Amino acid sequence: MDGFDAPYYALSPKEASWVVEQQGCFAIRFYNEHDEEDEKEDEDGKMRACYANRMAKSVRAVVESMLVSHFGEAIIEQVFQRYERLTEDYYSKNKPQLTNLVLSLVRKSHH
């Protein structure tokens, strides 16, 4: 594979709230941001590997169907295994900045 452009934009927590408000059908009942980067020390690299695995799975969920339709099924496992290794290598040099966002939404009643 020489190249593939998959547009990706990760909303910030504030942008996610804005989208919910702009859509208008739901109200935010509960909102919580939780940064994972400071949870545990990663002396043995296990957390780094876990973060890399989760990132690869998340990206795969978004782009796998596009890759399959463009390149075929045969390369998919290899692509995402390589992506996970590259992500783990990146995290070995840069601290992961992962934020979990929990939103509890309530449907607004329209009278």
N, C-alpha and C. Protein backbone atom coordinates (compact mmCIF):
# COMPACT_ATOMS: atom_id res chain seq x y z
N MET A 1 0.85 -1.16 0.00
CA MET A 1 0.00 0.00 0.00
C MET A 1 0.90 1.23 0.00
N ASP A 2 0.78 2.05 -1.02
CA ASP A 2 1.57 3.27 -1.10
C ASP A 2 0.91 4.44 -0.40
N GLY A 3 -0.39 4.47 -0.40
CA GLY A 3 -1.05 5.59 0.26
C GLY A 3 -2.56 5.42 0.29
N PHE A 4 -3.14 6.01 1.30
CA PHE A 4 -4.58 6.00 1.46
C PHE A 4 -4.92 7.14 2.39
N ASP A 5 -5.81 8.01 1.99
CA ASP A 5 -6.19 9.15 2.79
C ASP A 5 -7.56 8.90 3.40
N ALA A 6 -7.59 8.70 4.71
CA ALA A 6 -8.85 8.51 5.42
C ALA A 6 -9.05 9.74 6.31
N PRO A 7 -9.96 10.60 5.93
CA PRO A 7 -10.17 11.79 6.75
C PRO A 7 -10.59 11.40 8.16
N TYR A 8 -9.96 12.00 9.14
CA TYR A 8 -10.25 11.67 10.53
C TYR A 8 -10.21 12.95 11.34
N TYR A 9 -11.22 13.15 12.12
CA TYR A 9 -11.26 14.31 13.01
C TYR A 9 -11.84 13.85 14.33
N ALA A 10 -11.08 13.99 15.38
CA ALA A 10 -11.54 13.60 16.71
C ALA A 10 -12.08 14.83 17.41
N LEU A 11 -13.33 14.78 17.77
CA LEU A 11 -13.94 15.89 18.48
C LEU A 11 -13.32 16.06 19.86
N SER A 12 -13.16 17.30 20.25
CA SER A 12 -12.79 17.56 21.64
C SER A 12 -14.05 17.36 22.48
N PRO A 13 -13.91 17.17 23.78
CA PRO A 13 -15.10 17.03 24.62
C PRO A 13 -16.05 18.23 24.51
N LYS A 14 -15.52 19.43 24.42
CA LYS A 14 -16.38 20.62 24.29
C LYS A 14 -17.12 20.61 22.95
N GLU A 15 -16.45 20.17 21.89
CA GLU A 15 -17.11 20.08 20.59
C GLU A 15 -18.21 19.03 20.60
N ALA A 16 -17.99 17.91 21.30
CA ALA A 16 -19.03 16.88 21.39
C ALA A 16 -20.27 17.44 22.08
N SER A 17 -20.07 18.19 23.14
CA SER A 17 -21.20 18.82 23.83
C SER A 17 -21.92 19.81 22.92
N TRP A 18 -21.16 20.58 22.18
CA TRP A 18 -21.74 21.56 21.25
C TRP A 18 -22.60 20.86 20.20
N VAL A 19 -22.11 19.74 19.66
CA VAL A 19 -22.86 19.00 18.64
C VAL A 19 -24.19 18.53 19.21
N VAL A 20 -24.17 18.00 20.43
CA VAL A 20 -25.42 17.54 21.06
C VAL A 20 -26.39 18.71 21.21
N GLU A 21 -25.88 19.83 21.69
CA GLU A 21 -26.74 21.00 21.88
C GLU A 21 -27.29 21.52 20.56
N GLN A 22 -26.47 21.57 19.53
CA GLN A 22 -26.90 22.06 18.22
C GLN A 22 -27.92 21.15 17.57
N GLN A 23 -27.78 19.85 17.79
CA GLN A 23 -28.71 18.89 17.20
C GLN A 23 -30.11 19.11 17.76
N GLY A 24 -30.20 19.41 19.03
CA GLY A 24 -31.44 19.85 19.62
C GLY A 24 -32.41 18.80 20.16
N CYS A 25 -32.22 17.54 19.86
CA CYS A 25 -33.17 16.51 20.32
C CYS A 25 -32.85 15.97 21.71
N PHE A 26 -31.65 16.24 22.19
CA PHE A 26 -31.21 15.69 23.47
C PHE A 26 -30.67 16.78 24.37
N ALA A 27 -30.79 16.55 25.66
CA ALA A 27 -30.16 17.39 26.67
C ALA A 27 -29.10 16.54 27.36
N ILE A 28 -28.03 17.17 27.76
CA ILE A 28 -26.96 16.45 28.46
C ILE A 28 -27.32 16.39 29.94
N ARG A 29 -27.53 15.17 30.43
CA ARG A 29 -27.86 14.97 31.84
C ARG A 29 -26.60 14.85 32.68
N PHE A 30 -25.58 14.20 32.13
CA PHE A 30 -24.33 13.98 32.85
C PHE A 30 -23.18 14.10 31.86
N TYR A 31 -22.12 14.74 32.28
CA TYR A 31 -20.95 14.97 31.44
C TYR A 31 -19.71 14.74 32.30
N ASN A 32 -18.79 13.91 31.81
CA ASN A 32 -17.56 13.67 32.56
C ASN A 32 -16.42 13.42 31.60
N GLU A 33 -15.33 14.13 31.81
CA GLU A 33 -14.10 13.90 31.06
C GLU A 33 -13.11 13.24 32.01
N HIS A 34 -12.41 12.23 31.50
CA HIS A 34 -11.44 11.53 32.33
C HIS A 34 -10.19 11.27 31.51
N ASP A 35 -9.11 11.95 31.84
CA ASP A 35 -7.84 11.72 31.17
C ASP A 35 -7.17 10.50 31.76
N GLU A 36 -6.73 9.60 30.88
CA GLU A 36 -6.09 8.36 31.35
C GLU A 36 -4.59 8.46 31.48
N GLU A 37 -4.00 9.48 30.95
CA GLU A 37 -2.55 9.49 30.85
C GLU A 37 -1.82 9.42 32.19
N ASP A 38 -2.42 9.89 33.26
CA ASP A 38 -1.72 9.90 34.54
C ASP A 38 -2.15 8.77 35.47
N GLU A 39 -2.95 7.83 34.97
CA GLU A 39 -3.48 6.79 35.84
C GLU A 39 -2.40 5.90 36.43
N LYS A 40 -1.50 5.41 35.63
CA LYS A 40 -0.52 4.42 36.11
C LYS A 40 0.84 4.70 35.48
N GLU A 41 1.86 4.36 36.21
CA GLU A 41 3.20 4.37 35.63
C GLU A 41 3.31 3.18 34.69
N ASP A 42 4.13 3.32 33.67
CA ASP A 42 4.23 2.27 32.66
C ASP A 42 5.67 1.80 32.52
N GLU A 43 6.22 1.33 33.61
CA GLU A 43 7.62 0.92 33.61
C GLU A 43 7.89 -0.28 32.72
N ASP A 44 6.93 -1.19 32.61
CA ASP A 44 7.16 -2.40 31.81
C ASP A 44 6.55 -2.32 30.42
N GLY A 45 5.90 -1.21 30.08
CA GLY A 45 5.34 -1.03 28.74
C GLY A 45 3.98 -1.65 28.53
N LYS A 46 3.39 -2.25 29.56
CA LYS A 46 2.09 -2.91 29.38
C LYS A 46 0.98 -1.91 29.08
N MET A 47 0.98 -0.77 29.76
CA MET A 47 -0.05 0.24 29.50
C MET A 47 0.10 0.81 28.09
N ARG A 48 1.34 1.04 27.68
CA ARG A 48 1.61 1.55 26.33
C ARG A 48 1.06 0.58 25.29
N ALA A 49 1.28 -0.71 25.50
CA ALA A 49 0.78 -1.72 24.57
C ALA A 49 -0.75 -1.75 24.59
N CYS A 50 -1.33 -1.58 25.76
CA CYS A 50 -2.80 -1.56 25.88
C CYS A 50 -3.37 -0.34 25.14
N TYR A 51 -2.76 0.83 25.35
CA TYR A 51 -3.22 2.03 24.65
C TYR A 51 -3.10 1.86 23.13
N ALA A 52 -2.00 1.30 22.69
CA ALA A 52 -1.78 1.10 21.25
C ALA A 52 -2.83 0.15 20.68
N ASN A 53 -3.13 -0.91 21.41
CA ASN A 53 -4.13 -1.88 20.98
C ASN A 53 -5.50 -1.23 20.88
N ARG A 54 -5.86 -0.46 21.89
CA ARG A 54 -7.17 0.22 21.87
C ARG A 54 -7.26 1.23 20.74
N MET A 55 -6.18 1.96 20.48
CA MET A 55 -6.17 2.94 19.40
C MET A 55 -6.32 2.23 18.05
N ALA A 56 -5.60 1.13 17.87
CA ALA A 56 -5.70 0.39 16.61
C ALA A 56 -7.11 -0.14 16.40
N LYS A 57 -7.73 -0.64 17.45
CA LYS A 57 -9.10 -1.15 17.34
C LYS A 57 -10.08 -0.02 17.01
N SER A 58 -9.89 1.13 17.62
CA SER A 58 -10.77 2.27 17.35
C SER A 58 -10.65 2.74 15.91
N VAL A 59 -9.43 2.88 15.45
CA VAL A 59 -9.21 3.31 14.06
C VAL A 59 -9.73 2.26 13.09
N ARG A 60 -9.51 1.01 13.42
CA ARG A 60 -10.00 -0.08 12.56
C ARG A 60 -11.52 -0.03 12.42
N ALA A 61 -12.21 0.23 13.53
CA ALA A 61 -13.67 0.30 13.49
C ALA A 61 -14.15 1.38 12.51
N VAL A 62 -13.38 2.44 12.38
CA VAL A 62 -13.78 3.55 11.51
C VAL A 62 -13.40 3.31 10.05
N VAL A 63 -12.18 2.84 9.80
CA VAL A 63 -11.68 2.82 8.41
C VAL A 63 -11.62 1.45 7.74
N GLU A 64 -11.88 0.38 8.47
CA GLU A 64 -11.71 -0.95 7.88
C GLU A 64 -12.52 -1.14 6.61
N SER A 65 -13.78 -0.77 6.62
CA SER A 65 -14.62 -0.98 5.43
C SER A 65 -14.10 -0.20 4.23
N MET A 66 -13.58 1.01 4.47
CA MET A 66 -13.00 1.81 3.37
C MET A 66 -11.76 1.13 2.81
N LEU A 67 -10.91 0.61 3.71
CA LEU A 67 -9.70 -0.06 3.25
C LEU A 67 -10.03 -1.33 2.48
N VAL A 68 -10.98 -2.10 2.97
CA VAL A 68 -11.37 -3.34 2.28
C VAL A 68 -11.89 -3.03 0.89
N SER A 69 -12.75 -2.03 0.77
CA SER A 69 -13.30 -1.72 -0.55
C SER A 69 -12.23 -1.18 -1.50
N HIS A 70 -11.20 -0.55 -0.95
CA HIS A 70 -10.14 0.04 -1.79
C HIS A 70 -9.03 -0.96 -2.11
N PHE A 71 -8.63 -1.77 -1.11
CA PHE A 71 -7.46 -2.65 -1.27
C PHE A 71 -7.78 -4.14 -1.20
N GLY A 72 -8.97 -4.49 -0.72
CA GLY A 72 -9.32 -5.90 -0.56
C GLY A 72 -9.08 -6.38 0.86
N GLU A 73 -9.64 -7.53 1.16
CA GLU A 73 -9.61 -8.11 2.51
C GLU A 73 -8.23 -8.64 2.91
N ALA A 74 -7.43 -9.04 1.95
CA ALA A 74 -6.19 -9.78 2.24
C ALA A 74 -5.19 -9.03 3.11
N ILE A 75 -5.13 -7.73 3.02
CA ILE A 75 -4.10 -6.98 3.74
C ILE A 75 -4.54 -6.46 5.11
N ILE A 76 -5.80 -6.59 5.45
CA ILE A 76 -6.35 -5.90 6.62
C ILE A 76 -5.63 -6.26 7.92
N GLU A 77 -5.48 -7.53 8.22
CA GLU A 77 -4.82 -7.92 9.47
C GLU A 77 -3.41 -7.35 9.55
N GLN A 78 -2.67 -7.47 8.47
CA GLN A 78 -1.30 -6.98 8.44
C GLN A 78 -1.25 -5.48 8.65
N VAL A 79 -2.15 -4.74 8.01
CA VAL A 79 -2.18 -3.29 8.14
C VAL A 79 -2.40 -2.88 9.59
N PHE A 80 -3.38 -3.48 10.24
CA PHE A 80 -3.69 -3.06 11.60
C PHE A 80 -2.70 -3.59 12.63
N GLN A 81 -2.06 -4.71 12.37
CA GLN A 81 -0.97 -5.15 13.24
C GLN A 81 0.20 -4.18 13.15
N ARG A 82 0.50 -3.75 11.93
CA ARG A 82 1.59 -2.78 11.75
C ARG A 82 1.23 -1.45 12.38
N TYR A 83 -0.01 -1.03 12.20
CA TYR A 83 -0.46 0.23 12.80
C TYR A 83 -0.32 0.18 14.32
N GLU A 84 -0.69 -0.95 14.91
CA GLU A 84 -0.58 -1.09 16.36
C GLU A 84 0.87 -1.02 16.81
N ARG A 85 1.78 -1.66 16.07
CA ARG A 85 3.22 -1.61 16.42
C ARG A 85 3.74 -0.18 16.30
N LEU A 86 3.35 0.53 15.23
CA LEU A 86 3.79 1.92 15.05
C LEU A 86 3.25 2.82 16.15
N THR A 87 2.01 2.59 16.54
CA THR A 87 1.40 3.38 17.61
C THR A 87 2.10 3.10 18.94
N GLU A 88 2.40 1.83 19.21
CA GLU A 88 3.12 1.50 20.44
C GLU A 88 4.50 2.15 20.45
N ASP A 89 5.18 2.15 19.31
CA ASP A 89 6.48 2.80 19.21
C ASP A 89 6.34 4.30 19.47
N TYR A 90 5.32 4.91 18.90
CA TYR A 90 5.07 6.35 19.12
C TYR A 90 4.83 6.62 20.61
N TYR A 91 4.02 5.77 21.25
CA TYR A 91 3.72 5.95 22.66
C TYR A 91 4.95 5.69 23.54
N SER A 92 5.94 4.95 23.04
CA SER A 92 7.15 4.75 23.82
C SER A 92 7.99 6.02 23.87
N LYS A 93 7.76 6.91 22.91
CA LYS A 93 8.51 8.18 22.84
C LYS A 93 7.68 9.38 23.26
N ASN A 94 6.38 9.23 23.26
CA ASN A 94 5.45 10.31 23.58
C ASN A 94 4.38 9.78 24.53
N LYS A 95 4.07 10.55 25.53
CA LYS A 95 3.08 10.12 26.51
C LYS A 95 1.69 10.13 25.85
N PRO A 96 0.96 9.01 25.93
CA PRO A 96 -0.39 8.98 25.37
C PRO A 96 -1.28 10.02 26.05
N GLN A 97 -2.06 10.71 25.26
CA GLN A 97 -3.03 11.67 25.79
C GLN A 97 -4.41 11.18 25.39
N LEU A 98 -4.97 10.35 26.24
CA LEU A 98 -6.26 9.73 25.95
C LEU A 98 -7.30 10.27 26.91
N THR A 99 -8.43 10.68 26.36
CA THR A 99 -9.52 11.21 27.17
C THR A 99 -10.76 10.37 26.93
N ASN A 100 -11.32 9.89 28.01
CA ASN A 100 -12.63 9.22 27.94
C ASN A 100 -13.68 10.27 28.19
N LEU A 101 -14.70 10.28 27.38
CA LEU A 101 -15.80 11.22 27.54
C LEU A 101 -17.06 10.42 27.78
N VAL A 102 -17.74 10.71 28.87
CA VAL A 102 -18.99 10.04 29.19
C VAL A 102 -20.09 11.09 29.15
N LEU A 103 -21.06 10.85 28.28
CA LEU A 103 -22.23 11.73 28.19
C LEU A 103 -23.46 10.89 28.45
N SER A 104 -24.32 11.36 29.31
CA SER A 104 -25.62 10.75 29.50
C SER A 104 -26.64 11.72 28.90
N LEU A 105 -27.37 11.25 27.90
CA LEU A 105 -28.30 12.12 27.19
C LEU A 105 -29.73 11.75 27.51
N VAL A 106 -30.59 12.76 27.52
CA VAL A 106 -32.01 12.57 27.73
C VAL A 106 -32.73 13.19 26.54
N ARG A 107 -33.63 12.42 25.94
CA ARG A 107 -34.39 12.95 24.81
C ARG A 107 -35.29 14.07 25.29
N LYS A 108 -35.23 15.20 24.57
CA LYS A 108 -36.09 16.32 24.90
C LYS A 108 -37.50 16.02 24.40
N SER A 109 -38.48 16.39 25.19
CA SER A 109 -39.85 16.21 24.74
C SER A 109 -40.24 17.42 23.89
N HIS A 110 -40.86 17.14 22.77
CA HIS A 110 -41.30 18.21 21.86
C HIS A 110 -42.81 18.34 21.97
N HIS A 111 -43.25 19.45 22.47
CA HIS A 111 -44.70 19.67 22.62
C HIS A 111 -45.22 20.49 21.49
